Amino acid sequence: MADTIQRESLEYDVLFVGGGPASLAGALHLQRLAKAAGRELSISVIEKGKEFGSHGFSGAVMDPKGIRELIPDWLDQGAPIESPVVDDAIWFLTQGDALILPVVPPALDNHGNYIISLANFTRWLAGLCEKEGVNLFPGFPGWSLLVEHGQVTGVQTGDKGVDKHGQPKSNFEPGVNVKAKVTVLGEGPRGTVTRELIQRFKLDANSAPQVYATGVKEIWEMPAGTVPKGRVIHTMGWPNKNDQFGGGFIYAQSNDRWAVGFVIGLDCKDPFSDSHYQLQLFKTHPKVRALLEGGKMVEYGAKTIPEGGWESVPKLHAPGALIIGDSASLLDAMRLKGVHIAIKSGQLAAETIWQAVLADDFSDKTLSTFRDRVGSSWIGSELKRSKDFKKGFKLGFHAGMAGAAFIQFFGFSPFRDIKVGEGHKRMQTLEKYHGRKDAKPERMKFDSKLTFSKVDDVYASGTMHDEDSLCHLLVSEPDICITRCVEEYGNPCQHFCPASVYEWIRTDEKDRGKLRINFSNCVHCKTCDIMDPYGIIRWVPPEGSSGPAFKNS
């Protein structure tokens, strides 16, 4: 159908794909550079969410150095912050107790940082871009790359109004070809167009495989006066096992709200690994339960996190294209921070593009200076220092923490020579990990007050998809699900998906069962695309404006 559709073409000087902080910072900086020079540039940002910020999801505690460089008077300009960090703590949890560490490790010291809602912060940045004349287009996901004569010339956006059988409905709107001299990809982790660009131009030929984690979070409204301003708590230990990377976080937001979440690595050996369930267990700990007493859960979401570090950063440029932010693996996993790096990467992309505009040359050679800019900036310094952070965790949590301590105090990791492969290949079979093929996960009963089912939490995410539209979760070899996967791994997608998208249906104990994909539940975290042990699930953008509606995440 796509080959015969007449598509409208829109042309700009520069196109940013994805409406997160990296793209918005880049668009804003580039527009201001052009205005200062008396030049006119047409700059556009397309975003798959219904509005800018609706898909913005993170912890988040932000190092302000990125936004200070972009907007020195950012606080005076009304940037929405929840609070400066005023109290920092690390808890080591056992099942019934907690040891509060006497010293916060340097990498987790948040003095001078700010608790923010990424959704609200993104909305603010979008407003600044709009005031400067940047063209903003929410509800338009990048679907595929446009390439002419070996040069990236833009992207095609997704069609709207297509039914579940792939046929146009009465409200059908074809996607448009958005063309530009430079296309900047800031789609977040595992971006669809970014993957196409990397594969087409072999941008990862000299980089290590990417490593990911998934973070899930609930927002809790609490009684007035019960949430201390600016409090940040990180936890390690229970309910994770030693072979599992991850931990909990609790951040105080404004208006007496807690953001409580849990992160697990997607290089888990256990096929029953389940970030949502870990969060529910985490909340039952006496220390955490006490913080949430009398409160109400009001929002939920999930996000994948690129944690491979500097060695996983691909080549950041191709003819006519750049990659920024999480799409480029520009995140410091040791510090649990990425927003400041995303903003800085957008700025550096803007400066690279501006030089290309002045030279009227958008070739790969001209755009290649972007990698040099990133490497010689504080992004490069920060990521090179933490590049071996995840390697020790391949040997277990305690080895990983020892490696992290070495990095912080001696500047290197004793595990720097370890090779970290693709995370999904580390998953072990039921028989190998649990000792028998018919093993079942232990699960507590949720009370819908402190602990919630995935379906209950999905409702709190506000996610919406038209059920009479194409499923955006593609299983390339579905027979594997009912032959090998059910026997070898027990269909782990039903566990690792934090939104109950994948459901295994059986009529009785003798029935092998079948997979049902509840794509309308999807919160766009892309965990399934990353963690499936066979690598046969692919997440692609659904119809524009679909998905979660984050308010304070």
Protein backbone atom coordinates (compact mmCIF):
# COMPACT_ATOMS: atom_id res chain seq x y z
CA MET A 1 0.00 0.00 0.00
CA ALA A 2 2.78 2.43 0.92
CA ASP A 3 4.38 2.15 -2.54
CA THR A 4 1.29 3.50 -4.32
CA ILE A 5 0.25 6.25 -1.90
CA GLN A 6 0.71 9.85 -2.96
CA ARG A 7 2.45 11.51 -0.04
CA GLU A 8 2.78 15.18 0.71
CA SER A 9 6.33 16.46 1.11
CA LEU A 10 7.34 19.09 3.65
CA GLU A 11 10.80 20.61 3.38
CA TYR A 12 12.92 22.17 6.14
CA ASP A 13 16.52 23.02 6.64
CA VAL A 14 16.80 20.84 9.73
CA LEU A 15 14.55 18.10 11.12
CA PHE A 16 14.71 16.72 14.67
CA VAL A 17 12.97 13.36 15.13
CA GLY A 18 11.68 12.82 18.67
CA GLY A 19 10.53 15.53 21.05
CA GLY A 20 12.66 14.88 24.12
CA PRO A 21 15.18 17.19 25.82
CA ALA A 22 17.99 16.36 23.37
CA SER A 23 16.01 17.37 20.28
CA LEU A 24 14.37 20.40 21.87
CA ALA A 25 17.68 21.68 23.23
CA GLY A 26 19.25 21.22 19.81
CA ALA A 27 16.43 22.97 17.96
CA LEU A 28 16.40 25.87 20.42
CA HIS A 29 20.17 26.38 20.30
CA LEU A 30 20.31 26.18 16.51
CA GLN A 31 17.49 28.66 16.10
CA ARG A 32 19.23 31.11 18.40
CA LEU A 33 22.54 30.70 16.56
CA ALA A 34 20.80 31.49 13.28
CA LYS A 35 18.97 34.52 14.69
CA ALA A 36 22.17 35.90 16.22
CA ALA A 37 23.77 35.74 12.78
CA GLY A 38 20.77 37.30 11.04
CA ARG A 39 20.02 34.08 9.13
CA GLU A 40 16.68 32.35 8.72
CA LEU A 41 16.53 28.60 9.20
CA SER A 42 13.44 26.45 8.98
CA ILE A 43 13.66 23.95 11.84
CA SER A 44 11.06 21.35 12.78
CA VAL A 45 10.66 18.78 15.54
CA ILE A 46 8.30 15.82 15.14
CA GLU A 47 7.09 13.86 18.17
CA LYS A 48 5.04 10.65 18.30
CA GLY A 49 3.13 11.61 21.47
CA LYS A 50 -0.15 13.47 21.50
CA GLU A 51 1.69 16.48 22.91
CA PHE A 52 5.27 17.30 23.75
CA GLY A 53 6.00 15.82 27.15
CA SER A 54 3.28 13.17 27.11
CA HIS A 55 5.90 10.47 26.48
CA GLY A 56 8.55 12.09 28.69
CA PHE A 57 9.45 9.60 31.42
CA SER A 58 12.41 9.37 33.76
CA GLY A 59 13.35 9.31 37.47
CA ALA A 60 14.45 12.10 37.40
CA VAL A 61 17.22 13.86 39.27
CA MET A 62 18.91 16.27 36.87
CA ASP A 63 22.45 17.60 36.94
CA PRO A 64 21.83 21.24 35.90
CA LYS A 65 25.08 21.85 34.01
CA GLY A 66 23.53 21.01 30.64
CA ILE A 67 20.57 23.34 30.99
CA ARG A 68 22.76 26.08 32.51
CA GLU A 69 24.93 26.10 29.40
CA LEU A 70 21.88 26.21 27.16
CA ILE A 71 19.89 28.74 29.20
CA PRO A 72 22.00 30.42 31.91
CA ASP A 73 18.93 31.96 33.60
CA TRP A 74 16.85 28.79 33.28
CA LEU A 75 15.34 29.09 36.75
CA ASP A 76 14.39 32.73 36.21
CA GLN A 77 12.73 31.70 32.94
CA GLY A 78 10.33 29.49 34.86
CA ALA A 79 11.82 26.04 34.37
CA PRO A 80 9.57 23.60 36.24
CA ILE A 81 11.47 21.87 39.02
CA GLU A 82 10.10 19.77 41.82
CA SER A 83 12.85 20.74 44.26
CA PRO A 84 16.58 21.14 44.68
CA VAL A 85 18.03 18.02 46.30
CA VAL A 86 18.51 18.74 50.00
CA ASP A 87 18.75 15.23 51.47
CA ASP A 88 20.59 12.29 49.88
CA ALA A 89 20.60 8.71 51.21
CA ILE A 90 21.56 5.18 50.17
CA TRP A 91 19.74 2.26 51.75
CA PHE A 92 20.99 -1.32 51.60
CA LEU A 93 17.89 -3.49 52.03
CA THR A 94 17.40 -6.96 53.39
CA GLN A 95 13.91 -8.41 53.31
CA GLY A 96 12.95 -6.94 56.66
CA ASP A 97 15.54 -4.32 57.49
CA ALA A 98 17.64 -1.53 55.99
CA LEU A 99 21.19 -0.34 56.50
CA ILE A 100 21.57 3.36 55.78
CA LEU A 101 25.06 3.84 54.37
CA PRO A 102 27.05 6.41 56.36
CA VAL A 103 28.58 7.89 53.19
CA VAL A 104 26.97 8.49 49.80
CA PRO A 105 29.30 7.31 46.99
CA PRO A 106 30.59 10.24 44.88
CA ALA A 107 28.76 9.08 41.75
CA LEU A 108 25.44 9.17 43.61
CA ASP A 109 26.03 12.44 45.45
CA ASN A 110 23.20 14.68 44.27
CA HIS A 111 24.24 17.88 46.03
CA GLY A 112 23.48 20.72 43.62
CA ASN A 113 21.11 18.64 41.48
CA TYR A 114 17.36 19.06 40.98
CA ILE A 115 14.41 16.71 41.15
CA ILE A 116 12.28 17.24 38.04
CA SER A 117 9.32 15.80 36.20
CA LEU A 118 10.73 15.07 32.75
CA ALA A 119 7.24 15.34 31.26
CA ASN A 120 6.78 18.88 32.58
CA PHE A 121 10.38 19.88 31.85
CA THR A 122 9.95 18.75 28.24
CA ARG A 123 6.74 20.76 27.90
CA TRP A 124 8.60 23.84 29.11
CA LEU A 125 11.43 23.36 26.60
CA ALA A 126 8.87 22.87 23.83
CA GLY A 127 7.25 26.18 24.77
CA LEU A 128 10.60 27.97 24.48
CA CYS A 129 11.18 26.42 21.06
CA GLU A 130 7.76 27.53 19.89
CA LYS A 131 8.41 31.12 21.01
CA GLU A 132 11.64 31.12 18.98
CA GLY A 133 9.81 29.99 15.85
CA VAL A 134 10.70 26.31 15.77
CA ASN A 135 7.98 24.24 14.06
CA LEU A 136 6.61 21.62 16.47
CA PHE A 137 4.54 18.69 15.24
CA PRO A 138 3.17 16.36 17.94
CA GLY A 139 1.39 13.18 16.87
CA PHE A 140 3.85 12.44 14.05
CA PRO A 141 6.10 9.42 14.65
CA GLY A 142 9.10 8.88 12.42
CA TRP A 143 8.39 5.66 10.57
CA SER A 144 11.21 5.19 8.06
CA LEU A 145 14.32 6.87 6.74
CA LEU A 146 14.40 8.78 3.45
CA VAL A 147 17.68 8.29 1.59
CA GLU A 148 18.63 9.59 -1.85
CA HIS A 149 21.96 8.79 -3.52
CA GLY A 150 23.46 7.66 -0.23
CA GLN A 151 22.44 10.83 1.62
CA VAL A 152 19.78 10.96 4.36
CA THR A 153 17.11 13.43 3.24
CA GLY A 154 14.53 13.10 6.03
CA VAL A 155 11.93 10.67 7.31
CA GLN A 156 8.51 9.40 6.38
CA THR A 157 5.97 9.72 9.18
CA GLY A 158 3.49 6.98 9.99
CA ASP A 159 0.10 6.58 8.33
CA LYS A 160 -3.04 7.27 10.37
CA GLY A 161 -6.41 5.61 10.06
CA VAL A 162 -5.31 2.07 9.16
CA ASP A 163 -7.36 -0.82 10.57
CA LYS A 164 -6.02 -3.94 12.25
CA HIS A 165 -5.92 -5.73 8.90
CA GLY A 166 -3.79 -3.05 7.32
CA GLN A 167 -6.61 -1.51 5.30
CA PRO A 168 -7.34 2.24 5.17
CA LYS A 169 -10.37 3.40 7.18
CA SER A 170 -12.63 6.34 6.37
CA ASN A 171 -10.33 8.66 8.35
CA PHE A 172 -7.17 7.49 6.60
CA GLU A 173 -4.32 10.02 6.44
CA PRO A 174 -1.11 9.01 4.70
CA GLY A 175 2.15 9.81 6.41
CA VAL A 176 4.16 12.65 4.94
CA ASN A 177 7.73 12.84 3.69
CA VAL A 178 9.47 15.37 5.89
CA LYS A 179 12.65 16.35 4.09
CA ALA A 180 15.65 18.26 5.42
CA LYS A 181 19.28 19.01 4.72
CA VAL A 182 20.13 17.48 8.10
CA THR A 183 18.04 14.97 10.04
CA VAL A 184 18.79 14.62 13.77
CA LEU A 185 17.56 11.49 15.52
CA GLY A 186 16.64 11.87 19.18
CA GLU A 187 13.98 9.18 19.53
CA GLY A 188 15.15 7.83 22.88
CA PRO A 189 16.38 4.26 23.44
CA ARG A 190 15.97 1.74 20.63
CA GLY A 191 14.53 4.28 18.18
CA THR A 192 12.97 2.79 15.06
CA VAL A 193 14.49 5.22 12.58
CA THR A 194 17.76 5.25 14.51
CA ARG A 195 18.03 1.49 14.18
CA GLU A 196 17.43 1.77 10.44
CA LEU A 197 20.13 4.43 10.15
CA ILE A 198 22.64 2.41 12.19
CA GLN A 199 22.02 -0.75 10.20
CA ARG A 200 22.03 0.95 6.81
CA PHE A 201 25.28 2.83 7.37
CA LYS A 202 26.87 0.21 9.70
CA LEU A 203 27.37 2.82 12.40
CA ASP A 204 27.87 0.22 15.14
CA ALA A 205 30.59 -1.74 13.35
CA ASN A 206 33.24 -0.59 15.82
CA SER A 207 31.18 -0.28 19.00
CA ALA A 208 30.29 -2.78 21.70
CA PRO A 209 26.74 -4.21 21.91
CA GLN A 210 24.31 -1.97 23.72
CA VAL A 211 23.22 -2.95 27.24
CA TYR A 212 19.88 -1.81 28.65
CA ALA A 213 17.86 -1.66 31.85
CA THR A 214 14.16 -1.03 32.40
CA GLY A 215 12.90 1.44 34.97
CA VAL A 216 9.32 1.42 36.23
CA LYS A 217 7.83 4.10 38.43
CA GLU A 218 4.66 5.09 40.24
CA ILE A 219 3.70 8.58 41.41
CA TRP A 220 2.03 8.65 44.82
CA GLU A 221 -0.03 11.52 46.21
CA MET A 222 0.43 11.77 49.96
CA PRO A 223 -1.30 13.61 52.81
CA ALA A 224 -0.29 17.25 53.15
CA GLY A 225 2.97 17.81 54.96
CA THR A 226 4.17 14.19 54.89
CA VAL A 227 6.77 14.40 52.08
CA PRO A 228 10.02 16.16 53.05
CA LYS A 229 11.18 18.58 50.39
CA GLY A 230 14.11 17.56 48.23
CA ARG A 231 14.64 14.06 49.60
CA VAL A 232 16.39 11.51 47.34
CA ILE A 233 16.77 7.85 48.33
CA HIS A 234 18.48 5.13 46.29
CA THR A 235 18.40 1.49 47.37
CA MET A 236 20.33 -1.65 46.63
CA GLY A 237 19.92 -5.26 47.71
CA TRP A 238 16.47 -6.77 48.30
CA PRO A 239 14.34 -7.71 46.41
CA ASN A 240 17.02 -8.33 43.79
CA LYS A 241 19.19 -11.43 43.79
CA ASN A 242 22.98 -11.22 43.59
CA ASP A 243 22.97 -12.06 39.88
CA GLN A 244 20.55 -9.23 39.08
CA PHE A 245 21.57 -5.63 38.38
CA GLY A 246 19.32 -2.87 39.63
CA GLY A 247 17.80 -1.13 42.60
CA GLY A 248 15.08 1.16 43.86
CA PHE A 249 14.65 4.91 44.03
CA ILE A 250 12.36 7.24 45.94
CA TYR A 251 12.29 10.94 45.04
CA ALA A 252 10.28 13.66 46.75
CA GLN A 253 8.24 15.70 44.27
CA SER A 254 6.36 18.91 44.91
CA ASN A 255 2.80 18.98 46.28
CA ASP A 256 3.47 16.06 48.62
CA ARG A 257 4.15 13.42 45.99
CA TRP A 258 6.60 10.54 45.99
CA ALA A 259 8.10 9.12 42.83
CA VAL A 260 8.87 5.51 43.73
CA GLY A 261 10.48 3.23 41.20
CA PHE A 262 12.66 0.26 40.46
CA VAL A 263 15.29 -0.46 37.79
CA ILE A 264 16.50 -3.88 36.63
CA GLY A 265 19.09 -4.77 34.01
CA LEU A 266 17.85 -6.43 30.85
CA ASP A 267 20.80 -8.81 30.88
CA CYS A 268 19.06 -11.00 33.47
CA LYS A 269 19.66 -14.73 33.60
CA ASP A 270 16.26 -15.42 35.17
CA PRO A 271 13.48 -15.87 32.56
CA PHE A 272 10.96 -14.80 35.23
CA SER A 273 12.60 -11.36 35.57
CA ASP A 274 9.86 -8.77 35.99
CA SER A 275 10.54 -5.09 36.74
CA HIS A 276 6.91 -4.36 37.61
CA TYR A 277 6.80 -7.20 40.13
CA GLN A 278 10.09 -6.08 41.65
CA LEU A 279 8.57 -2.65 42.20
CA GLN A 280 5.53 -4.16 43.93
CA LEU A 281 7.78 -6.26 46.19
CA PHE A 282 9.96 -3.23 46.89
CA LYS A 283 6.96 -1.29 48.21
CA THR A 284 6.21 -4.03 50.75
CA HIS A 285 9.52 -3.43 52.52
CA PRO A 286 8.77 -1.91 55.95
CA LYS A 287 10.85 1.21 55.24
CA VAL A 288 9.18 1.87 51.90
CA ARG A 289 5.70 0.90 53.07
CA ALA A 290 5.97 3.45 55.89
CA LEU A 291 6.73 6.25 53.42
CA LEU A 292 3.63 5.42 51.36
CA GLU A 293 1.23 4.98 54.27
CA GLY A 294 -1.97 6.96 53.67
CA GLY A 295 -1.11 7.77 50.07
CA LYS A 296 -2.68 7.04 46.69
CA MET A 297 -0.98 5.84 43.52
CA VAL A 298 -1.92 8.19 40.66
CA GLU A 299 0.50 7.58 37.78
CA TYR A 300 2.64 4.80 36.33
CA GLY A 301 5.10 4.33 33.51
CA ALA A 302 8.15 2.48 32.26
CA LYS A 303 11.24 3.30 30.23
CA THR A 304 14.30 1.47 28.95
CA ILE A 305 17.71 2.94 29.75
CA PRO A 306 20.83 2.57 27.54
CA GLU A 307 23.64 1.62 29.92
CA GLY A 308 26.39 0.34 27.64
CA GLY A 309 28.43 3.50 28.12
CA TRP A 310 31.11 5.03 25.93
CA GLU A 311 32.12 1.75 24.29
CA SER A 312 28.53 1.24 23.07
CA VAL A 313 28.23 4.68 21.49
CA PRO A 314 27.90 4.14 17.74
CA LYS A 315 29.29 6.37 15.05
CA LEU A 316 27.15 9.47 15.62
CA HIS A 317 26.94 10.73 12.06
CA ALA A 318 26.05 9.65 8.54
CA PRO A 319 25.63 11.67 5.34
CA GLY A 320 22.87 14.15 6.23
CA ALA A 321 22.18 12.75 9.72
CA LEU A 322 23.23 12.90 13.40
CA ILE A 323 22.22 10.86 16.47
CA ILE A 324 21.80 12.45 19.91
CA GLY A 325 20.70 11.67 23.47
CA ASP A 326 19.57 8.21 24.51
CA SER A 327 19.36 7.16 20.86
CA ALA A 328 23.15 7.55 20.78
CA SER A 329 23.71 5.76 24.14
CA LEU A 330 24.79 9.04 25.72
CA LEU A 331 23.93 8.27 29.34
CA ASP A 332 26.04 7.83 32.47
CA ALA A 333 24.80 4.62 34.10
CA MET A 334 27.19 4.99 37.04
CA ARG A 335 25.64 8.35 38.00
CA LEU A 336 22.10 7.30 36.99
CA LYS A 337 21.93 10.47 34.89
CA GLY A 338 21.18 11.24 31.25
CA VAL A 339 19.06 14.40 30.96
CA HIS A 340 22.04 16.77 31.24
CA ILE A 341 23.95 14.76 28.64
CA ALA A 342 20.94 14.72 26.29
CA ILE A 343 20.69 18.51 26.49
CA LYS A 344 24.41 18.97 25.87
CA SER A 345 24.39 16.55 22.93
CA GLY A 346 21.58 18.56 21.35
CA GLN A 347 23.63 21.76 21.77
CA LEU A 348 26.71 20.18 20.20
CA ALA A 349 24.61 18.85 17.32
CA ALA A 350 23.27 22.37 16.75
CA GLU A 351 26.81 23.80 16.65
CA THR A 352 27.88 21.09 14.19
CA ILE A 353 24.89 21.80 11.96
CA TRP A 354 25.49 25.54 12.12
CA GLN A 355 29.00 25.07 10.77
CA ALA A 356 27.57 22.87 8.02
CA VAL A 357 25.02 25.58 7.19
CA LEU A 358 27.76 28.21 6.93
CA ALA A 359 29.74 25.93 4.61
CA ASP A 360 26.62 24.76 2.76
CA ASP A 361 28.00 21.26 3.13
CA PHE A 362 26.01 18.49 4.82
CA SER A 363 28.28 15.60 3.91
CA ASP A 364 29.43 12.89 6.30
CA LYS A 365 32.88 14.51 6.44
CA THR A 366 31.47 17.84 7.62
CA LEU A 367 29.07 16.27 10.13
CA SER A 368 31.79 13.98 11.49
CA THR A 369 33.03 16.84 13.67
CA PHE A 370 30.05 16.07 15.93
CA ARG A 371 31.75 12.99 17.37
CA ASP A 372 34.86 15.08 18.06
CA ARG A 373 32.78 17.72 19.79
CA VAL A 374 31.11 15.11 21.99
CA GLY A 375 34.36 13.34 22.82
CA SER A 376 36.22 16.52 23.76
CA SER A 377 33.35 17.93 25.85
CA TRP A 378 32.46 17.05 29.42
CA ILE A 379 30.17 14.36 27.92
CA GLY A 380 33.24 12.50 26.73
CA SER A 381 35.05 12.99 30.05
CA GLU A 382 32.09 11.71 32.04
CA LEU A 383 31.31 8.71 29.85
CA LYS A 384 34.93 7.65 29.40
CA ARG A 385 35.37 7.61 33.17
CA SER A 386 32.36 5.34 33.67
CA LYS A 387 32.77 3.24 30.50
CA ASP A 388 33.54 0.02 32.41
CA PHE A 389 30.85 0.45 35.05
CA LYS A 390 28.54 -2.35 33.89
CA LYS A 391 31.28 -4.92 33.30
CA GLY A 392 31.70 -6.06 36.89
CA PHE A 393 27.99 -6.71 37.23
CA LYS A 394 28.36 -9.53 34.73
CA LEU A 395 29.99 -11.39 37.64
CA GLY A 396 27.23 -10.47 40.10
CA PHE A 397 26.02 -7.51 42.12
CA HIS A 398 28.84 -7.51 44.68
CA ALA A 399 31.54 -7.68 42.02
CA GLY A 400 29.81 -4.87 40.16
CA MET A 401 29.74 -2.65 43.24
CA ALA A 402 33.41 -3.37 43.87
CA GLY A 403 34.17 -2.38 40.29
CA ALA A 404 32.18 0.83 40.66
CA ALA A 405 34.13 1.69 43.83
CA PHE A 406 37.41 1.13 42.02
CA ILE A 407 36.35 3.49 39.23
CA GLN A 408 35.39 6.23 41.66
CA PHE A 409 38.47 6.03 43.88
CA PHE A 410 41.20 4.81 41.51
CA GLY A 411 39.88 5.88 38.10
CA PHE A 412 39.72 2.40 36.57
CA SER A 413 37.82 -0.88 36.86
CA PRO A 414 39.50 -4.22 37.65
CA PHE A 415 37.00 -5.74 35.21
CA ARG A 416 37.82 -3.46 32.27
CA ASP A 417 38.85 -6.40 30.05
CA ILE A 418 35.50 -8.18 30.40
CA LYS A 419 33.45 -8.25 27.20
CA VAL A 420 29.77 -7.45 27.69
CA GLY A 421 27.58 -9.04 25.04
CA GLU A 422 23.94 -8.45 24.12
CA GLY A 423 21.83 -8.69 27.25
CA HIS A 424 19.07 -10.94 25.90
CA LYS A 425 21.63 -13.66 25.13
CA ARG A 426 22.39 -14.02 28.86
CA MET A 427 18.92 -15.31 29.68
CA GLN A 428 19.04 -18.93 30.81
CA THR A 429 16.44 -21.61 30.18
CA LEU A 430 13.99 -22.62 32.87
CA GLU A 431 15.81 -25.91 33.37
CA LYS A 432 19.22 -24.30 33.72
CA TYR A 433 18.20 -21.43 35.99
CA HIS A 434 15.35 -22.96 38.03
CA GLY A 435 16.29 -26.63 37.75
CA ARG A 436 13.17 -27.84 35.93
CA LYS A 437 11.24 -27.14 32.76
CA ASP A 438 7.88 -26.78 34.52
CA ALA A 439 9.03 -24.13 37.02
CA LYS A 440 6.53 -21.39 37.83
CA PRO A 441 7.24 -17.93 39.23
CA GLU A 442 6.27 -17.16 42.81
CA ARG A 443 3.88 -14.22 42.88
CA MET A 444 2.14 -12.47 45.76
CA LYS A 445 -1.46 -11.35 45.58
CA PHE A 446 -1.83 -7.63 44.90
CA ASP A 447 -4.08 -5.70 47.27
CA SER A 448 -4.82 -2.73 44.95
CA LYS A 449 -3.89 -0.36 47.76
CA LEU A 450 -0.14 -0.69 48.15
CA THR A 451 0.53 -3.20 45.40
CA PHE A 452 -1.08 -3.27 41.97
CA SER A 453 -1.47 -5.57 39.01
CA LYS A 454 0.09 -4.56 35.71
CA VAL A 455 -3.35 -3.83 34.31
CA ASP A 456 -4.14 -1.46 37.20
CA ASP A 457 -0.84 0.33 36.72
CA VAL A 458 -1.31 0.56 32.96
CA TYR A 459 -4.61 2.34 33.58
CA ALA A 460 -2.70 4.89 35.66
CA SER A 461 -0.33 5.53 32.72
CA GLY A 462 -3.18 6.97 30.65
CA THR A 463 -2.06 4.96 27.65
CA MET A 464 -4.51 4.81 24.75
CA HIS A 465 -4.40 2.96 21.43
CA ASP A 466 -7.15 2.40 18.89
CA GLU A 467 -7.78 -1.34 19.07
CA ASP A 468 -8.91 -1.28 15.44
CA SER A 469 -5.44 -0.29 14.29
CA LEU A 470 -2.35 -2.22 13.29
CA CYS A 471 -0.52 -3.98 16.09
CA HIS A 472 2.79 -2.18 16.51
CA LEU A 473 4.51 -5.15 18.17
CA LEU A 474 5.79 -7.42 15.44
CA VAL A 475 6.76 -11.05 16.12
CA SER A 476 8.80 -12.18 13.13
CA GLU A 477 8.69 -15.92 13.92
CA PRO A 478 5.50 -16.57 15.93
CA ASP A 479 5.90 -20.34 15.70
CA ILE A 480 8.87 -20.09 18.06
CA CYS A 481 6.52 -18.85 20.79
CA ILE A 482 4.47 -22.06 20.82
CA THR A 483 7.28 -24.49 20.12
CA ARG A 484 10.68 -23.59 21.53
CA CYS A 485 9.96 -20.63 23.81
CA VAL A 486 7.20 -22.21 25.88
CA GLU A 487 9.45 -25.21 26.58
CA GLU A 488 12.79 -23.45 26.98
CA TYR A 489 11.94 -20.16 28.70
CA GLY A 490 8.25 -20.37 29.67
CA ASN A 491 7.38 -17.41 27.40
CA PRO A 492 9.27 -14.74 29.38
CA CYS A 493 7.59 -11.87 27.51
CA GLN A 494 4.61 -12.27 29.84
CA HIS A 495 6.95 -11.46 32.73
CA PHE A 496 9.45 -8.90 31.44
CA CYS A 497 6.82 -6.68 29.80
CA PRO A 498 5.81 -4.16 32.51
CA ALA A 499 2.43 -3.50 30.91
CA SER A 500 0.78 -6.92 30.48
CA VAL A 501 0.97 -6.67 26.69
CA TYR A 502 1.96 -10.31 26.21
CA GLU A 503 -0.53 -12.82 27.57
CA TRP A 504 -0.20 -16.58 27.34
CA ILE A 505 -3.63 -18.20 26.93
CA ARG A 506 -4.32 -21.85 27.83
CA THR A 507 -7.64 -23.66 27.87
CA ASP A 508 -6.34 -26.38 30.24
CA GLU A 509 -3.09 -27.82 31.60
CA LYS A 510 -2.62 -30.05 28.56
CA ASP A 511 -3.03 -27.16 26.13
CA ARG A 512 0.31 -25.79 24.92
CA GLY A 513 -1.36 -22.39 24.65
CA LYS A 514 -1.09 -19.37 22.39
CA LEU A 515 0.23 -15.86 22.65
CA ARG A 516 -2.15 -12.90 22.76
CA ILE A 517 -0.72 -9.43 22.22
CA ASN A 518 -2.70 -6.76 24.07
CA PHE A 519 -0.98 -3.92 22.23
CA SER A 520 -3.42 -1.33 23.58
CA ASN A 521 -1.69 -1.73 26.99
CA CYS A 522 1.73 -0.71 25.64
CA VAL A 523 3.50 2.13 27.49
CA HIS A 524 6.24 2.41 24.83
CA CYS A 525 9.16 1.25 26.97
CA LYS A 526 10.46 -1.20 24.28
CA THR A 527 11.58 -3.79 26.82
CA CYS A 528 10.19 -6.57 24.62
CA ASP A 529 12.24 -5.42 21.63
CA ILE A 530 15.38 -5.69 23.76
CA MET A 531 14.88 -8.64 26.11
CA ASP A 532 13.23 -11.35 24.01
CA PRO A 533 15.75 -14.25 24.12
CA TYR A 534 15.33 -15.01 20.42
CA GLY A 535 15.37 -11.38 19.29
CA ILE A 536 12.18 -11.86 17.27
CA ILE A 537 10.03 -9.05 18.72
CA ARG A 538 10.24 -5.65 17.11
CA TRP A 539 8.60 -2.51 18.46
CA VAL A 540 7.56 0.01 15.81
CA PRO A 541 5.69 3.30 16.32
CA PRO A 542 1.92 2.93 16.54
CA GLU A 543 -0.45 5.46 15.04
CA GLY A 544 0.54 9.01 15.93
CA SER A 545 -0.74 10.42 19.25
CA SER A 546 -1.17 6.90 20.67
CA GLY A 547 0.49 5.72 23.83
CA PRO A 548 0.89 6.98 27.38
CA ALA A 549 -0.15 10.38 28.66
CA PHE A 550 2.40 11.16 31.35
CA LYS A 551 1.61 14.18 33.50
CA ASN A 552 4.20 14.36 36.28
CA SER A 553 6.62 11.54 35.41
